[in-house]
């Protein structure tokens, strides 16, 4: 008997995520080798899982080898309970492919589509996929997300073809894109925006090239074009090359800076993080290539933009890194409410250190003292 895999199996799409996020006792519900009834339980959402894990399980089972399981997944995923959808769609720890899959399912549901579009982990290409045929309300949500517009050309192309998007929205989107240095010659509304902003002569004159593109920089400085493990572990570049890179980046327009922030290497991100435009800095901290070390540097920085810090302290994965959490508590730019919440999770010796540290905000020092005093206060004996 031949051991060759049948052609149908070999051609079957492979799920882009693995089951490592699941508790060990739940893995059996997505294991293709497990009995179909076990997988069917998960496909019907009958397994006790958090909303985020349930979304991921349904996504994984959409690749199940059994057609019956796949059909059930489509039915379940399309009729989620509000509790599961509302919580899971907002969760930035859900894998990007999962969020993208659900956005395509719920692109016509204004409430759920808005949650997914506002989730920074939802892929830009999924947003572009629904932008061409979504409702006016969802189109407005997409059009207001400036970072996505500059990061992914396809979103503007799709919005400009959407019959439900009002003219004022498209005009505003295109005006913003043109001001940021973007020019899509295949989008008529972009040409109209150039004329509005630069006069009638812009209709016949080719747009001037405003500095290097992200692809130019990546090629010139031999940056990898994909996030490969170890890509940012290279030796730092010398001062002359860093100065040259900095000058080239300064000459870029906002749109290309954002693209470089998303795709470039650690050296490029370090330069772009200091850019005065907050969209560029946020694009850096949201880069899929950002390392924990880079995040820690920003958590410690007293000049870090508020928008960047907000991304950091809103990310549960980063808050699991103790050094990042401690740095946020010490940073005077972090809101007091956030610092108070994080301090309750610190080690006692660090809280004692904060109580004596003159370099931390007074409110943090005072709270640390209160936390120590409360711990050391004698317990009340109600029996006396």
Protein backbone atom coordinates (compact mmCIF):
# COMPACT_ATOMS: atom_id res chain seq x y z
CA UNK A 1 0.00 0.00 0.00
CA UNK A 2 1.37 3.44 -0.94
CA UNK A 3 2.19 5.95 1.78
CA UNK A 4 1.74 8.91 -0.57
CA UNK A 5 -0.64 11.63 0.55
CA UNK A 6 -3.69 11.85 -1.71
CA UNK A 7 -3.69 14.87 -3.99
CA UNK A 8 -6.81 16.37 -2.36
CA UNK A 9 -5.13 16.30 1.05
CA UNK A 10 -1.87 17.72 -0.26
CA UNK A 11 -3.73 20.63 -1.88
CA UNK A 12 -5.84 21.40 1.16
CA UNK A 13 -5.05 24.87 2.54
CA UNK A 14 -2.98 24.93 5.71
CA UNK A 15 -4.21 26.94 8.67
CA UNK A 16 -1.84 29.90 9.28
CA UNK A 17 -2.07 29.61 13.08
CA UNK A 18 -1.39 26.74 15.47
CA UNK A 19 -3.15 25.54 18.62
CA UNK A 20 -0.41 26.75 21.01
CA UNK A 21 -2.74 29.43 22.40
CA UNK A 22 -5.14 26.80 23.74
CA UNK A 23 -5.10 25.12 27.17
CA UNK A 24 -3.66 21.57 26.77
CA UNK A 25 -7.02 19.91 27.47
CA UNK A 26 -8.67 21.88 24.65
CA UNK A 27 -6.21 21.06 21.85
CA UNK A 28 -8.08 17.85 21.04
CA UNK A 29 -11.00 19.91 19.75
CA UNK A 30 -8.96 21.27 16.83
CA UNK A 31 -6.69 18.26 16.23
CA UNK A 32 -7.49 16.79 12.78
CA UNK A 33 -6.60 13.36 14.17
CA UNK A 34 -9.16 13.60 16.97
CA UNK A 35 -12.62 12.05 16.51
CA UNK A 36 -15.00 14.19 14.48
CA UNK A 37 -17.52 14.52 17.38
CA UNK A 38 -14.86 16.28 19.47
CA UNK A 39 -14.14 18.77 16.70
CA UNK A 40 -17.84 19.18 16.04
CA UNK A 41 -18.38 20.23 19.66
CA UNK A 42 -15.99 23.12 19.14
CA UNK A 43 -17.51 23.91 15.75
CA UNK A 44 -20.85 24.35 17.53
CA UNK A 45 -19.21 26.56 20.21
CA UNK A 46 -20.07 24.01 22.92
CA UNK A 47 -16.57 24.02 24.40
CA UNK A 48 -15.82 26.28 27.42
CA UNK A 49 -13.42 28.85 25.98
CA UNK A 50 -12.82 32.58 26.31
CA UNK A 51 -14.31 34.69 23.48
CA UNK A 52 -10.87 35.30 21.97
CA UNK A 53 -9.98 31.59 22.02
CA UNK A 54 -13.38 30.64 20.60
CA UNK A 55 -12.83 32.93 17.61
CA UNK A 56 -9.44 31.34 16.98
CA UNK A 57 -10.79 27.81 17.32
CA UNK A 58 -13.56 28.49 14.81
CA UNK A 59 -11.00 29.93 12.42
CA UNK A 60 -8.77 26.85 12.77
CA UNK A 61 -11.72 24.53 12.21
CA UNK A 62 -12.57 26.36 8.98
CA UNK A 63 -9.53 24.41 7.67
CA UNK A 64 -10.75 21.10 9.09
CA UNK A 65 -10.49 18.11 6.69
CA UNK A 66 -14.12 17.17 7.39
CA UNK A 67 -16.66 19.04 5.25
CA UNK A 68 -19.35 18.67 7.91
CA UNK A 69 -17.15 20.41 10.49
CA UNK A 70 -16.35 23.21 8.04
CA UNK A 71 -20.04 23.71 7.25
CA UNK A 72 -20.90 23.88 10.94
CA UNK A 73 -18.11 26.40 11.54
CA UNK A 74 -19.53 28.71 8.89
CA UNK A 75 -22.94 28.52 10.52
CA UNK A 76 -21.60 29.15 14.03
CA UNK A 77 -19.18 31.89 13.00
CA UNK A 78 -21.94 33.74 11.16
CA UNK A 79 -24.30 33.70 14.16
CA UNK A 80 -22.03 34.43 17.11
CA UNK A 81 -23.46 35.39 20.47
CA UNK A 82 -23.02 39.09 21.15
CA UNK A 83 -20.93 38.40 24.26
CA UNK A 84 -18.40 36.41 22.24
CA UNK A 85 -18.29 38.82 19.32
CA UNK A 86 -18.18 42.06 21.32
CA UNK A 87 -15.32 40.85 23.50
CA UNK A 88 -13.34 38.89 20.93
CA UNK A 89 -13.50 41.43 18.11
CA UNK A 90 -11.98 44.13 20.34
CA UNK A 91 -9.19 41.90 21.66
CA UNK A 92 -5.84 42.90 20.13
CA UNK A 93 -4.27 39.61 21.19
CA UNK A 94 -6.37 37.65 18.71
CA UNK A 95 -4.27 36.51 15.74
CA UNK A 96 -4.51 38.89 12.75
CA UNK A 97 -5.70 36.18 10.28
CA UNK A 98 -8.57 35.37 12.66
CA UNK A 99 -9.70 38.99 12.86
CA UNK A 100 -9.41 39.36 9.10
CA UNK A 101 -11.54 36.26 8.52
CA UNK A 102 -14.29 37.54 10.80
CA UNK A 103 -14.22 41.02 9.24
CA UNK A 104 -14.96 39.43 5.90
CA UNK A 105 -17.86 37.54 7.51
CA UNK A 106 -19.25 40.59 9.29
CA UNK A 107 -18.36 43.32 6.81
CA UNK A 108 -22.04 44.22 6.43
CA UNK A 109 -22.71 44.34 10.17
CA UNK A 110 -21.92 47.95 11.09
CA UNK A 111 -21.46 47.33 14.82
CA UNK A 112 -19.15 44.34 14.53
CA UNK A 113 -17.31 45.72 11.49
CA UNK A 114 -16.48 48.87 13.45
CA UNK A 115 -15.03 46.83 16.34
CA UNK A 116 -12.85 44.86 13.96
CA UNK A 117 -11.69 47.88 11.95
CA UNK A 118 -10.73 49.76 15.13
CA UNK A 119 -8.80 46.72 16.38
CA UNK A 120 -5.18 47.54 15.53
CA UNK A 121 -4.41 43.85 14.96
CA UNK A 122 -6.91 43.42 12.12
CA UNK A 123 -4.96 43.18 8.83
CA UNK A 124 -5.14 46.13 6.45
CA UNK A 125 -5.85 43.87 3.48
CA UNK A 126 -8.99 42.59 5.22
CA UNK A 127 -10.16 46.17 5.71
CA UNK A 128 -9.49 46.87 2.03
CA UNK A 129 -11.49 43.77 1.10
CA UNK A 130 -14.67 45.08 2.74
CA UNK A 131 -14.15 48.78 1.95
CA UNK A 132 -15.53 48.58 -1.58
CA UNK A 133 -18.99 47.26 -0.67
CA UNK A 134 -19.60 48.17 2.97
CA UNK A 135 -22.30 50.52 4.29
CA UNK A 136 -21.92 54.28 4.58
CA UNK A 137 -21.39 54.00 8.33
CA UNK A 138 -18.62 51.43 8.01
CA UNK A 139 -17.03 53.40 5.17
CA UNK A 140 -16.85 56.41 7.50
CA UNK A 141 -15.18 54.28 10.17
CA UNK A 142 -12.58 53.15 7.62
CA UNK A 143 -12.08 56.67 6.27
CA UNK A 144 -11.35 58.04 9.74
CA UNK A 145 -8.53 55.56 10.36
CA UNK A 146 -5.70 57.66 8.98
CA UNK A 147 -2.94 55.21 9.83
CA UNK A 148 -4.55 52.43 7.81
CA UNK A 149 -5.18 54.77 4.85
CA UNK A 150 -1.51 55.69 4.55
CA UNK A 151 -0.23 52.21 5.34
CA UNK A 152 -2.23 50.34 2.68
CA UNK A 153 -2.99 51.88 -0.75
CA UNK A 154 -5.72 49.35 -1.45
CA UNK A 155 -8.04 50.82 1.19
CA UNK A 156 -8.34 54.16 -0.63
CA UNK A 157 -8.72 52.40 -3.97
CA UNK A 158 -11.58 50.32 -2.56
CA UNK A 159 -13.30 53.20 -0.75
CA UNK A 160 -13.23 55.33 -3.91
CA UNK A 161 -15.30 52.64 -5.69
CA UNK A 162 -17.84 52.21 -2.89
CA UNK A 163 -21.27 53.47 -4.04
CA UNK A 164 -22.37 53.87 -0.41
CA UNK A 165 -19.53 56.21 0.54
CA UNK A 166 -20.60 59.86 0.36
CA UNK A 167 -18.57 62.23 -1.77
CA UNK A 168 -17.51 64.37 1.18
CA UNK A 169 -15.91 61.34 2.84
CA UNK A 170 -13.94 60.35 -0.26
CA UNK A 171 -12.87 63.96 -0.85
CA UNK A 172 -11.63 64.21 2.73
CA UNK A 173 -9.77 60.91 2.51
CA UNK A 174 -8.10 61.84 -0.78
CA UNK A 175 -7.20 65.34 0.40
CA UNK A 176 -5.54 63.89 3.48
CA UNK A 177 -3.70 61.27 1.43
CA UNK A 178 -2.39 63.84 -1.07
CA UNK A 179 -1.23 66.16 1.72
CA UNK A 180 0.62 63.19 3.20
CA UNK A 181 2.46 62.61 -0.08
CA UNK A 182 0.41 59.73 -1.49
CA UNK A 183 -0.58 59.73 -5.15
CA UNK A 184 -2.54 56.90 -6.75
CA UNK A 185 -2.75 57.71 -10.43
CA UNK A 186 -5.40 55.04 -11.01
CA UNK A 187 -7.82 56.74 -8.58
CA UNK A 188 -9.61 59.71 -10.28
CA UNK A 189 -10.62 61.21 -6.93
CA UNK A 190 -6.94 61.53 -6.01
CA UNK A 191 -6.32 63.64 -9.11
CA UNK A 192 -9.31 65.80 -8.19
CA UNK A 193 -7.81 66.24 -4.74
CA UNK A 194 -4.50 67.39 -6.25
CA UNK A 195 -6.36 69.98 -8.29
CA UNK A 196 -8.24 71.21 -5.22
CA UNK A 197 -5.04 71.50 -3.23
CA UNK A 198 -2.53 72.69 -5.83
CA UNK A 199 -4.60 74.36 -8.56
CA UNK A 200 -5.70 73.52 -12.13
CA UNK A 201 -2.13 72.99 -13.33
CA UNK A 202 -1.95 69.84 -11.21
CA UNK A 203 -4.32 68.15 -13.67
CA UNK A 204 -1.72 68.13 -16.43
CA UNK A 205 1.53 68.09 -14.51
CA UNK A 206 2.88 64.81 -13.11
CA UNK A 207 3.10 64.82 -9.32
CA UNK A 208 6.60 65.64 -8.11
CA UNK A 209 8.47 62.83 -6.42
CA UNK A 210 8.58 63.82 -2.77
CA UNK A 211 11.66 62.07 -1.50
CA UNK A 212 12.53 58.36 -1.47
CA UNK A 213 9.94 55.64 -1.06
CA UNK A 214 9.99 52.95 1.60
CA UNK A 215 11.05 50.43 -1.05
CA UNK A 216 13.91 52.74 -2.10
CA UNK A 217 15.22 52.92 1.46
CA UNK A 218 14.88 49.19 2.06
CA UNK A 219 16.78 48.43 -1.13
CA UNK A 220 19.44 51.07 -0.59
CA UNK A 221 20.20 49.94 2.97
CA UNK A 222 19.68 46.20 2.33
CA UNK A 223 16.77 45.81 4.74
CA UNK A 224 14.89 42.47 4.70
CA UNK A 225 11.47 42.81 3.08
CA UNK A 226 9.76 40.44 5.53
CA UNK A 227 9.73 39.79 9.27
CA UNK A 228 12.09 36.86 9.53
CA UNK A 229 13.37 35.59 12.83
CA UNK A 230 16.72 37.09 13.67
CA UNK A 231 16.40 39.81 11.05
CA UNK A 232 16.84 42.51 13.68
CA UNK A 233 19.63 40.71 15.46
CA UNK A 234 22.25 42.08 13.06
CA UNK A 235 25.14 44.21 14.30
CA UNK A 236 24.30 47.94 14.51
CA UNK A 237 25.28 50.00 11.48
CA UNK A 238 28.16 52.46 11.74
CA UNK A 239 27.60 56.15 12.48
CA UNK A 240 28.16 57.30 8.90
CA UNK A 241 25.61 54.89 7.51
CA UNK A 242 23.14 55.74 10.29
CA UNK A 243 23.50 59.46 9.48
CA UNK A 244 22.92 58.74 5.80
CA UNK A 245 19.82 56.67 6.66
CA UNK A 246 18.52 59.43 8.91
CA UNK A 247 18.90 62.06 6.17
CA UNK A 248 17.15 59.85 3.63
CA UNK A 249 14.28 59.20 6.02
CA UNK A 250 13.91 62.92 6.78
CA UNK A 251 13.38 63.49 3.05
CA UNK A 252 10.47 61.01 2.89
CA UNK A 253 6.82 62.06 2.93
CA UNK A 254 4.50 60.92 5.72
CA UNK A 255 2.91 58.13 3.69
CA UNK A 256 6.24 56.49 2.86
CA UNK A 257 7.52 56.92 6.41
CA UNK A 258 4.54 54.95 7.68
CA UNK A 259 5.19 52.18 5.19
CA UNK A 260 8.84 52.05 6.24
CA UNK A 261 7.81 52.02 9.90
CA UNK A 262 5.75 48.92 9.18
CA UNK A 263 8.24 47.04 7.00
CA UNK A 264 11.67 48.43 7.87
CA UNK A 265 14.34 47.23 10.29
CA UNK A 266 15.24 48.25 13.83
CA UNK A 267 17.53 51.10 12.75
CA UNK A 268 14.76 52.63 10.63
CA UNK A 269 12.23 52.25 13.43
CA UNK A 270 14.58 53.97 15.88
CA UNK A 271 14.81 57.01 13.62
CA UNK A 272 11.11 57.07 12.74
CA UNK A 273 10.05 56.84 16.39
CA UNK A 274 11.48 60.34 16.85
CA UNK A 275 9.41 61.75 13.98
CA UNK A 276 7.21 64.69 14.94
CA UNK A 277 4.16 63.17 13.24
CA UNK A 278 2.28 60.99 15.73
CA UNK A 279 0.94 58.73 12.96
CA UNK A 280 4.50 57.76 12.08
CA UNK A 281 5.41 57.03 15.70
CA UNK A 282 2.26 54.95 16.20
CA UNK A 283 3.03 53.05 12.98
CA UNK A 284 6.42 52.16 14.49
CA UNK A 285 5.04 50.83 17.77
CA UNK A 286 2.39 48.87 15.85
CA UNK A 287 4.92 47.35 13.46
CA UNK A 288 4.67 43.55 13.41
CA UNK A 289 8.48 43.54 13.62
CA UNK A 290 8.80 45.58 16.81
CA UNK A 291 10.81 43.83 19.53
CA UNK A 292 10.22 43.74 23.28
CA UNK A 293 13.49 45.63 23.74
CA UNK A 294 12.27 48.50 21.57
CA UNK A 295 8.97 48.60 23.45
CA UNK A 296 10.85 48.77 26.76
CA UNK A 297 12.88 51.76 25.53
CA UNK A 298 9.67 53.64 24.73
CA UNK A 299 8.03 52.64 28.02
CA UNK A 300 11.04 54.18 29.80
CA UNK A 301 11.17 57.32 27.64
CA UNK A 302 10.07 60.58 29.26
CA UNK A 303 9.57 62.14 25.83
CA UNK A 304 7.57 59.29 24.30
CA UNK A 305 4.34 60.43 22.65
CA UNK A 306 1.15 59.83 24.61
CA UNK A 307 -0.33 57.92 21.67
CA UNK A 308 2.62 55.51 21.66
CA UNK A 309 2.43 54.93 25.41
CA UNK A 310 -1.30 54.29 25.09
CA UNK A 311 -0.63 51.49 22.60
CA UNK A 312 1.92 49.96 24.99
CA UNK A 313 -0.14 49.98 28.17
CA UNK A 314 -3.20 48.74 26.29
CA UNK A 315 -1.35 45.64 25.06
CA UNK A 316 -1.78 42.74 27.49
CA UNK A 317 1.03 40.76 25.91
CA UNK A 318 3.55 43.52 26.59
CA UNK A 319 2.21 43.99 30.12
CA UNK A 320 3.18 40.39 30.82
CA UNK A 321 6.79 41.54 30.47
CA UNK A 322 7.66 42.66 33.99
CA UNK A 323 10.35 45.13 32.91
CA UNK A 324 7.88 46.93 30.61
CA UNK A 325 5.25 47.07 33.32
CA UNK A 326 7.71 48.51 35.86
CA UNK A 327 8.95 51.08 33.34
CA UNK A 328 5.40 52.27 32.70
CA UNK A 329 4.76 52.76 36.41
CA UNK A 330 7.89 54.92 36.66
CA UNK A 331 7.10 56.97 33.55
CA UNK A 332 5.52 60.35 34.49
CA UNK A 333 3.68 60.50 31.16
CA UNK A 334 1.60 57.41 31.92
CA UNK A 335 -1.86 58.33 33.33
CA UNK A 336 -2.11 57.95 37.09
CA UNK A 337 -4.97 55.47 36.86
CA UNK A 338 -2.88 53.16 34.70
CA UNK A 339 0.13 53.44 37.03
CA UNK A 340 -2.04 52.64 40.05
CA UNK A 341 -3.49 49.58 38.39
CA UNK A 342 -0.08 48.27 37.34
CA UNK A 343 1.54 48.93 40.71
CA UNK A 344 -0.73 46.44 42.44
CA UNK A 345 0.96 43.70 40.39
CA UNK A 346 4.58 44.65 41.18
CA UNK A 347 6.95 42.75 43.45
CA UNK A 348 7.12 44.05 47.00
CA UNK A 349 10.79 45.05 46.75
CA UNK A 350 10.01 47.18 43.69
CA UNK A 351 7.11 48.89 45.46
CA UNK A 352 9.44 49.68 48.39
CA UNK A 353 11.96 51.10 45.94
CA UNK A 354 9.29 53.28 44.33
CA UNK A 355 8.28 54.62 47.74
CA UNK A 356 11.82 56.01 48.15
CA UNK A 357 12.47 57.01 44.54
CA UNK A 358 12.54 60.81 44.12
CA UNK A 359 12.63 60.46 40.33
CA UNK A 360 9.15 58.98 39.95
CA UNK A 361 5.94 61.06 39.96
CA UNK A 362 4.85 62.13 43.45
CA UNK A 363 1.52 60.34 43.03
CA UNK A 364 3.35 57.07 42.31
CA UNK A 365 5.65 57.52 45.30
CA UNK A 366 2.70 58.27 47.59
CA UNK A 367 0.72 55.29 46.34
CA UNK A 368 3.72 53.02 46.85
CA UNK A 369 4.06 54.21 50.46
CA UNK A 370 0.35 53.60 51.09
CA UNK A 371 0.63 50.12 49.58
CA UNK A 372 3.58 49.28 51.87
CA UNK A 373 1.87 50.78 54.96
CA UNK A 374 -1.28 48.81 54.27
CA UNK A 375 0.69 45.59 53.97
CA UNK A 376 2.58 46.27 57.19
CA UNK A 377 -0.43 47.47 59.22
CA UNK A 378 -1.31 45.18 62.16
CA UNK A 379 -4.29 43.00 61.47
CA UNK A 380 -7.42 43.80 63.45
CA UNK A 381 -8.42 41.16 65.95
CA UNK A 382 -12.24 41.13 65.88
CA UNK A 383 -12.32 38.66 68.79
CA UNK A 384 -11.26 41.32 71.27
